[in-house]
């Protein structure tokens, strides 16, 4: 019972509710933007919030089991600094996600604050120490961060690719596919010392090798910010996922290094942060060098997305395809596409050119008398 009460305090932490609010506002803004650009939302549900409450919790539970198995611990001061910086980031930078930067900066402040700051305040009266765990613990955070991020990106990257209309390119409108999701993982960690138990007698305590550890559940932020303009999003994210796993391997090697030189942990984390930034920078540069654009075309209409649970899901279509003919009629605008659908309001036959320039035919039954519910998202015709 005491352990359950201690774990339930996770829901009392302001960062958890602020993150939920931030994700909900981001999701609402996306739906509003989709309705403005395409007449109705591509994904009408708040899938970002659903992922936060399902995938975030599941990944957090798995991580917590592993942490308890290896006896992972963090000093209480690190936790306070991390949550404080995370709250400031969510409030002051509403369009930015810096999960790895938060880990690195918090570690630098905690370790260097106890080593190099001569005028640091004495926090012992509050039961807080500047550094009371091994440097390998901070590298362990980097290991699990890259592994979990790689897993999440590999399985969900591109599955909910929501297009957004951007500025014109050579007189044509273009679309991009931004990823703005982040998760909050309830991560169980051990906290060395007896400050929590001295304040709340019910708090559970573990004794490991003669030392006392309190159990605490903290919110760990996991996320990514990237926009794809010239490639299939799922291809980009699968490649990134593999690179994140390799970074996890490097972080594991660094973790072993700190067994001999524990004071190197902050520097090794900075190296990992630089490597992470380089990977994202290279992904953006590679995207910029591609010749393809999700742009308007003159000979047909560009498919930007397929709405879930619609007839179009059954068709062999993908974002980037160009519909050349609908029901044997040539189309070159959204209006002409729906006019061609009305020629046979219960069935749709398409002639399509994919991103590789290959032609294909596809067809499906549609909702009788409701062509706009076929589920194919196109550039809307411009007024005037």
Protein backbone atom coordinates (compact mmCIF):
# COMPACT_ATOMS: atom_id res chain seq x y z
CA UNK A 1 0.00 0.00 0.00
CA UNK A 2 2.81 2.43 0.86
CA UNK A 3 4.44 1.75 -2.50
CA UNK A 4 1.14 2.41 -4.29
CA UNK A 5 0.72 5.73 -2.48
CA UNK A 6 4.28 6.75 -3.33
CA UNK A 7 3.76 5.87 -7.01
CA UNK A 8 0.47 7.77 -7.13
CA UNK A 9 2.33 10.98 -6.28
CA UNK A 10 3.40 10.94 -9.94
CA UNK A 11 -0.01 12.42 -10.76
CA UNK A 12 0.61 15.28 -8.33
CA UNK A 13 3.64 16.57 -10.22
CA UNK A 14 2.95 19.78 -12.22
CA UNK A 15 5.12 18.66 -15.15
CA UNK A 16 2.78 15.74 -15.90
CA UNK A 17 -0.32 17.91 -16.22
CA UNK A 18 1.52 20.68 -18.05
CA UNK A 19 2.74 18.13 -20.59
CA UNK A 20 -0.79 16.78 -21.07
CA UNK A 21 -2.08 20.33 -21.59
CA UNK A 22 0.73 21.10 -24.05
CA UNK A 23 0.02 17.95 -26.09
CA UNK A 24 -3.71 18.66 -26.14
CA UNK A 25 -3.12 22.24 -27.35
CA UNK A 26 -0.72 20.98 -30.04
CA UNK A 27 -3.25 18.39 -31.17
CA UNK A 28 -6.05 20.94 -31.26
CA UNK A 29 -3.90 23.33 -33.31
CA UNK A 30 -3.15 20.53 -35.79
CA UNK A 31 -6.84 19.68 -36.23
CA UNK A 32 -7.66 23.36 -36.72
CA UNK A 33 -4.89 23.70 -39.32
CA UNK A 34 -6.08 20.59 -41.20
CA UNK A 35 -9.63 21.90 -41.30
CA UNK A 36 -8.38 25.20 -42.66
CA UNK A 37 -6.14 23.64 -45.32
CA UNK A 38 -8.30 20.69 -46.40
CA UNK A 39 -11.87 21.42 -45.34
CA UNK A 40 -11.87 18.71 -42.67
CA UNK A 41 -9.30 17.13 -40.38
CA UNK A 42 -7.14 14.35 -41.78
CA UNK A 43 -6.95 12.80 -38.30
CA UNK A 44 -9.96 14.08 -36.39
CA UNK A 45 -9.03 12.39 -33.11
CA UNK A 46 -6.38 13.70 -30.74
CA UNK A 47 -3.96 10.89 -31.53
CA UNK A 48 -1.04 12.77 -29.95
CA UNK A 49 -2.82 12.75 -26.59
CA UNK A 50 -3.78 9.10 -27.04
CA UNK A 51 -0.15 8.18 -27.66
CA UNK A 52 0.91 10.15 -24.58
CA UNK A 53 -1.55 8.29 -22.38
CA UNK A 54 -0.96 4.82 -23.86
CA UNK A 55 2.48 4.48 -25.44
CA UNK A 56 4.03 6.81 -22.87
CA UNK A 57 2.66 4.77 -19.97
CA UNK A 58 3.56 1.39 -21.54
CA UNK A 59 7.14 2.43 -22.34
CA UNK A 60 7.44 3.96 -18.88
CA UNK A 61 6.30 0.75 -17.19
CA UNK A 62 8.82 -1.31 -19.14
CA UNK A 63 11.61 1.14 -18.33
CA UNK A 64 10.64 1.16 -14.65
CA UNK A 65 10.89 -2.62 -14.41
CA UNK A 66 14.38 -2.51 -15.93
CA UNK A 67 15.44 0.37 -13.66
CA UNK A 68 14.39 -1.53 -10.55
CA UNK A 69 16.17 -4.65 -11.79
CA UNK A 70 19.48 -2.80 -12.24
CA UNK A 71 19.04 -0.62 -9.14
CA UNK A 72 19.03 2.65 -11.09
CA UNK A 73 19.10 5.78 -8.94
CA UNK A 74 19.15 9.55 -9.35
CA UNK A 75 19.85 12.23 -6.74
CA UNK A 76 16.83 14.22 -5.63
CA UNK A 77 18.54 17.45 -6.68
CA UNK A 78 18.86 16.16 -10.27
CA UNK A 79 15.15 15.39 -10.32
CA UNK A 80 14.21 18.85 -9.02
CA UNK A 81 16.44 20.61 -11.57
CA UNK A 82 15.18 18.43 -14.43
CA UNK A 83 11.50 19.01 -13.69
CA UNK A 84 12.09 22.73 -13.20
CA UNK A 85 13.88 23.08 -16.54
CA UNK A 86 11.26 20.93 -18.28
CA UNK A 87 8.44 23.13 -16.97
CA UNK A 88 10.25 26.27 -18.14
CA UNK A 89 10.79 24.71 -21.57
CA UNK A 90 7.13 23.76 -22.01
CA UNK A 91 5.99 27.24 -20.93
CA UNK A 92 8.58 29.46 -22.64
CA UNK A 93 9.21 27.38 -25.79
CA UNK A 94 5.74 26.12 -26.77
CA UNK A 95 6.82 24.90 -30.23
CA UNK A 96 10.12 23.29 -29.21
CA UNK A 97 10.95 19.93 -27.66
CA UNK A 98 14.41 19.46 -26.11
CA UNK A 99 14.29 16.12 -24.24
CA UNK A 100 17.95 15.13 -24.53
CA UNK A 101 19.13 18.69 -23.92
CA UNK A 102 17.18 18.67 -20.65
CA UNK A 103 18.98 15.51 -19.51
CA UNK A 104 22.41 16.86 -20.45
CA UNK A 105 21.95 20.35 -18.96
CA UNK A 106 20.50 18.92 -15.74
CA UNK A 107 23.42 16.53 -15.38
CA UNK A 108 25.97 19.29 -16.05
CA UNK A 109 24.36 21.53 -13.42
CA UNK A 110 24.18 18.71 -10.88
CA UNK A 111 27.73 17.39 -11.37
CA UNK A 112 29.55 20.65 -12.00
CA UNK A 113 27.52 22.38 -9.30
CA UNK A 114 29.01 19.98 -6.77
CA UNK A 115 32.52 20.00 -8.23
CA UNK A 116 33.44 23.39 -9.66
CA UNK A 117 31.11 25.97 -8.11
CA UNK A 118 32.88 27.25 -5.03
CA UNK A 119 30.05 29.53 -3.93
CA UNK A 120 27.33 26.91 -4.29
CA UNK A 121 24.59 27.00 -1.66
CA UNK A 122 24.66 24.40 1.09
CA UNK A 123 21.59 22.23 0.49
CA UNK A 124 22.34 19.58 3.08
CA UNK A 125 19.75 21.08 5.44
CA UNK A 126 17.14 20.21 2.79
CA UNK A 127 18.51 16.72 2.40
CA UNK A 128 19.85 17.50 -1.07
CA UNK A 129 23.32 16.65 -2.36
CA UNK A 130 24.92 18.05 -5.50
CA UNK A 131 26.02 14.61 -6.63
CA UNK A 132 25.42 11.34 -4.85
CA UNK A 133 25.30 8.73 -7.62
CA UNK A 134 27.77 7.27 -10.09
CA UNK A 135 28.35 9.00 -13.41
CA UNK A 136 27.25 5.78 -15.14
CA UNK A 137 23.69 6.46 -13.98
CA UNK A 138 23.48 9.58 -16.14
CA UNK A 139 24.81 7.69 -19.16
CA UNK A 140 22.21 5.00 -18.49
CA UNK A 141 19.57 7.66 -19.05
CA UNK A 142 21.08 8.35 -22.48
CA UNK A 143 21.08 4.63 -23.31
CA UNK A 144 17.39 4.18 -22.55
CA UNK A 145 16.53 7.52 -24.18
CA UNK A 146 17.99 6.49 -27.55
CA UNK A 147 16.61 2.95 -27.37
CA UNK A 148 13.09 4.09 -26.53
CA UNK A 149 13.19 6.92 -29.07
CA UNK A 150 14.39 4.51 -31.75
CA UNK A 151 11.63 2.03 -30.89
CA UNK A 152 8.93 4.71 -30.91
CA UNK A 153 10.09 6.35 -34.14
CA UNK A 154 10.43 2.99 -35.92
CA UNK A 155 6.88 1.92 -35.03
CA UNK A 156 5.02 5.24 -35.26
CA UNK A 157 7.08 7.41 -37.59
CA UNK A 158 4.99 8.15 -40.68
CA UNK A 159 1.90 6.26 -39.48
CA UNK A 160 0.13 9.52 -38.64
CA UNK A 161 1.70 11.74 -41.29
CA UNK A 162 -0.41 14.89 -41.19
CA UNK A 163 0.29 17.24 -44.14
CA UNK A 164 0.66 20.96 -43.68
CA UNK A 165 0.60 23.54 -46.46
CA UNK A 166 3.68 25.75 -46.63
CA UNK A 167 4.84 28.64 -48.81
CA UNK A 168 4.80 28.35 -52.56
CA UNK A 169 7.70 26.80 -54.45
CA UNK A 170 8.10 28.19 -57.99
CA UNK A 171 4.50 29.34 -58.03
CA UNK A 172 3.14 26.07 -56.61
CA UNK A 173 1.94 25.30 -53.11
CA UNK A 174 3.92 22.60 -51.32
CA UNK A 175 3.12 20.35 -48.39
CA UNK A 176 5.34 19.06 -45.60
CA UNK A 177 4.89 16.45 -42.90
CA UNK A 178 5.86 17.72 -39.44
CA UNK A 179 6.44 15.46 -36.45
CA UNK A 180 5.64 17.38 -33.24
CA UNK A 181 4.79 14.57 -30.83
CA UNK A 182 6.34 13.87 -27.48
CA UNK A 183 5.68 11.38 -24.71
CA UNK A 184 5.95 11.58 -20.94
CA UNK A 185 7.15 8.32 -19.43
CA UNK A 186 6.42 7.54 -15.75
CA UNK A 187 9.91 6.34 -14.80
CA UNK A 188 10.58 4.66 -11.47
CA UNK A 189 13.93 5.56 -9.93
CA UNK A 190 15.58 5.04 -6.59
CA UNK A 191 16.59 8.16 -4.67
CA UNK A 192 19.55 7.84 -2.29
CA UNK A 193 19.19 9.31 1.17
CA UNK A 194 16.40 9.53 3.71
CA UNK A 195 14.97 12.99 3.05
CA UNK A 196 11.69 11.71 1.58
CA UNK A 197 11.19 9.26 4.41
CA UNK A 198 12.00 11.93 6.99
CA UNK A 199 9.22 14.11 5.57
CA UNK A 200 6.64 11.37 4.94
CA UNK A 201 6.87 8.32 7.17
CA UNK A 202 4.79 6.21 4.75
CA UNK A 203 7.33 6.52 1.96
CA UNK A 204 8.75 3.09 1.00
CA UNK A 205 12.47 2.50 1.55
CA UNK A 206 14.84 -0.04 0.00
CA UNK A 207 18.12 -1.06 1.57
CA UNK A 208 20.81 -2.02 -0.93
CA UNK A 209 24.37 -2.83 0.21
CA UNK A 210 23.87 -0.96 3.44
CA UNK A 211 22.45 2.19 1.80
CA UNK A 212 18.90 3.54 1.99
CA UNK A 213 16.95 4.39 -1.16
CA UNK A 214 13.46 5.87 -1.49
CA UNK A 215 11.35 5.00 -4.52
CA UNK A 216 10.04 7.83 -6.72
CA UNK A 217 8.18 7.99 -10.05
CA UNK A 218 9.31 10.91 -12.20
CA UNK A 219 8.15 12.10 -15.65
CA UNK A 220 10.77 11.55 -18.37
CA UNK A 221 10.15 13.44 -21.63
CA UNK A 222 10.73 11.64 -24.92
CA UNK A 223 10.16 13.39 -28.24
CA UNK A 224 11.31 14.51 -31.65
CA UNK A 225 10.78 17.55 -33.87
CA UNK A 226 11.26 17.14 -37.62
CA UNK A 227 9.52 18.09 -40.87
CA UNK A 228 9.81 15.99 -44.05
CA UNK A 229 9.32 17.77 -47.39
CA UNK A 230 10.78 15.54 -50.11
CA UNK A 231 10.67 11.91 -48.98
CA UNK A 232 8.21 9.34 -47.71
CA UNK A 233 8.05 10.07 -43.94
CA UNK A 234 8.12 6.41 -42.87
CA UNK A 235 11.38 5.89 -44.80
CA UNK A 236 12.99 8.86 -43.05
CA UNK A 237 11.96 7.73 -39.58
CA UNK A 238 13.05 4.12 -40.03
CA UNK A 239 16.50 5.34 -41.01
CA UNK A 240 16.59 7.68 -38.02
CA UNK A 241 15.49 4.84 -35.72
CA UNK A 242 18.50 2.74 -36.75
CA UNK A 243 20.84 5.66 -36.09
CA UNK A 244 19.30 6.23 -32.66
CA UNK A 245 19.93 2.59 -31.78
CA UNK A 246 23.59 3.02 -32.75
CA UNK A 247 23.75 6.08 -30.50
CA UNK A 248 22.38 3.89 -27.71
CA UNK A 249 25.25 1.46 -28.33
CA UNK A 250 27.76 4.32 -28.11
CA UNK A 251 26.08 5.54 -24.92
CA UNK A 252 26.39 2.01 -23.46
CA UNK A 253 30.12 2.03 -24.25
CA UNK A 254 30.42 5.43 -22.56
CA UNK A 255 28.50 3.99 -19.60
CA UNK A 256 31.20 1.34 -19.22
CA UNK A 257 33.89 4.01 -19.55
CA UNK A 258 32.52 5.88 -16.54
CA UNK A 259 33.19 2.82 -14.40
CA UNK A 260 36.84 3.87 -14.63
CA UNK A 261 36.43 7.65 -15.02
CA UNK A 262 33.07 8.64 -13.46
CA UNK A 263 33.86 12.37 -13.69
CA UNK A 264 33.77 12.15 -17.50
CA UNK A 265 29.99 11.56 -17.54
CA UNK A 266 28.95 15.19 -18.32
CA UNK A 267 31.48 15.46 -21.17
CA UNK A 268 30.36 12.14 -22.65
CA UNK A 269 26.73 13.26 -22.49
CA UNK A 270 27.64 16.44 -24.35
CA UNK A 271 29.31 14.32 -27.05
CA UNK A 272 26.10 12.28 -27.37
CA UNK A 273 24.03 15.46 -27.60
CA UNK A 274 26.26 16.71 -30.41
CA UNK A 275 25.96 13.35 -32.18
CA UNK A 276 22.17 13.50 -31.85
CA UNK A 277 22.10 17.02 -33.28
CA UNK A 278 24.35 15.99 -36.18
CA UNK A 279 22.05 13.07 -37.04
CA UNK A 280 19.00 15.34 -37.18
CA UNK A 281 20.92 17.99 -39.14
CA UNK A 282 22.09 15.41 -41.69
CA UNK A 283 18.53 14.09 -42.04
CA UNK A 284 17.28 17.59 -42.81
CA UNK A 285 20.12 18.26 -45.25
CA UNK A 286 19.50 14.97 -47.05
CA UNK A 287 15.81 15.84 -47.35
CA UNK A 288 16.69 19.25 -48.79
CA UNK A 289 18.86 17.69 -51.51
CA UNK A 290 16.08 15.49 -52.92
CA UNK A 291 14.45 16.52 -56.20
CA UNK A 292 10.94 15.47 -55.21
CA UNK A 293 8.39 17.89 -53.74
CA UNK A 294 4.90 17.32 -52.34
CA UNK A 295 3.75 20.11 -54.62
CA UNK A 296 0.82 20.92 -56.85
CA UNK A 297 1.02 19.55 -60.39
CA UNK A 298 -0.54 20.56 -63.69
CA UNK A 299 -1.20 17.06 -65.04
CA UNK A 300 -3.33 15.55 -62.30
CA UNK A 301 -3.91 16.06 -58.57
CA UNK A 302 -1.43 15.25 -55.82
CA UNK A 303 -2.46 12.88 -53.02
CA UNK A 304 -1.36 14.37 -49.69
CA UNK A 305 -2.89 11.87 -47.24
CA UNK A 306 -5.53 9.20 -46.78
CA UNK A 307 -8.08 9.67 -44.03
CA UNK A 308 -8.48 6.61 -41.79
CA UNK A 309 -11.65 4.52 -41.88
CA UNK A 310 -12.65 5.73 -45.37
CA UNK A 311 -13.03 3.89 -48.71
CA UNK A 312 -9.67 5.26 -49.89
CA UNK A 313 -7.88 3.10 -47.29
CA UNK A 314 -8.66 0.05 -49.45
CA UNK A 315 -7.01 1.64 -52.51
CA UNK A 316 -3.33 1.28 -53.30
CA UNK A 317 -2.58 4.96 -52.73
CA UNK A 318 0.14 6.78 -50.83
CA UNK A 319 1.04 10.39 -50.12
CA UNK A 320 2.91 11.77 -53.12
CA UNK A 321 0.94 9.82 -55.74
CA UNK A 322 -0.60 11.80 -58.61
CA UNK A 323 -4.13 10.93 -59.73
CA UNK A 324 -4.23 11.37 -63.52
CA UNK A 325 -7.72 10.07 -64.24
CA UNK A 326 -10.84 9.44 -62.18
CA UNK A 327 -13.56 7.26 -63.69
CA UNK A 328 -11.73 7.55 -67.05
CA UNK A 329 -11.83 11.35 -66.97
CA UNK A 330 -8.64 13.44 -66.76
CA UNK A 331 -8.43 15.56 -63.60
CA UNK A 332 -6.23 18.54 -62.73
CA UNK A 333 -7.91 20.08 -59.67
CA UNK A 334 -9.89 19.11 -56.60
CA UNK A 335 -13.09 20.31 -58.26
CA UNK A 336 -12.56 18.27 -61.42
CA UNK A 337 -11.72 15.23 -59.29
CA UNK A 338 -15.03 15.36 -57.41
CA UNK A 339 -16.92 16.10 -60.60
CA UNK A 340 -15.45 12.91 -62.08
CA UNK A 341 -16.45 10.99 -58.94
CA UNK A 342 -20.06 12.09 -59.44
CA UNK A 343 -20.06 10.39 -62.84
CA UNK A 344 -20.27 7.11 -60.91
CA UNK A 345 -21.27 8.02 -57.32
CA UNK A 346 -21.01 4.45 -55.99
CA UNK A 347 -17.64 3.44 -57.46
CA UNK A 348 -14.22 5.02 -58.04
CA UNK A 349 -11.68 3.96 -60.66
CA UNK A 350 -8.32 5.78 -60.65
CA UNK A 351 -5.29 5.95 -62.92
CA UNK A 352 -2.32 6.96 -60.79
CA UNK A 353 1.39 7.77 -61.15
CA UNK A 354 3.41 7.03 -58.02
CA UNK A 355 6.49 8.83 -56.65
CA UNK A 356 8.76 6.65 -58.83
CA UNK A 357 6.92 7.59 -62.03
CA UNK A 358 5.24 4.19 -62.43
CA UNK A 359 1.59 3.99 -63.53
CA UNK A 360 -1.00 1.90 -61.71
CA UNK A 361 -4.76 1.38 -61.64
CA UNK A 362 -6.84 1.13 -58.49
CA UNK A 363 -10.54 1.12 -57.67
CA UNK A 364 -12.99 0.76 -54.81
CA UNK A 365 -16.64 1.19 -53.92
CA UNK A 366 -17.49 4.50 -52.27
CA UNK A 367 -20.34 5.86 -50.19
CA UNK A 368 -23.23 6.34 -52.60
CA UNK A 369 -24.00 10.00 -53.15
CA UNK A 370 -21.19 11.21 -50.87
CA UNK A 371 -18.04 11.59 -53.04
CA UNK A 372 -16.38 13.97 -50.58
CA UNK A 373 -16.21 11.13 -48.05
CA UNK A 374 -13.91 9.01 -50.19
CA UNK A 375 -11.04 10.01 -47.88
CA UNK A 376 -8.39 11.26 -50.35
CA UNK A 377 -6.76 14.50 -49.16
CA UNK A 378 -5.80 16.88 -51.99
CA UNK A 379 -4.71 20.48 -52.40
CA UNK A 380 -7.85 22.59 -52.20
CA UNK A 381 -8.68 24.82 -55.13
CA UNK A 382 -7.64 28.42 -54.48
CA UNK A 383 -10.41 30.97 -54.52
CA UNK A 384 -10.33 33.64 -57.15
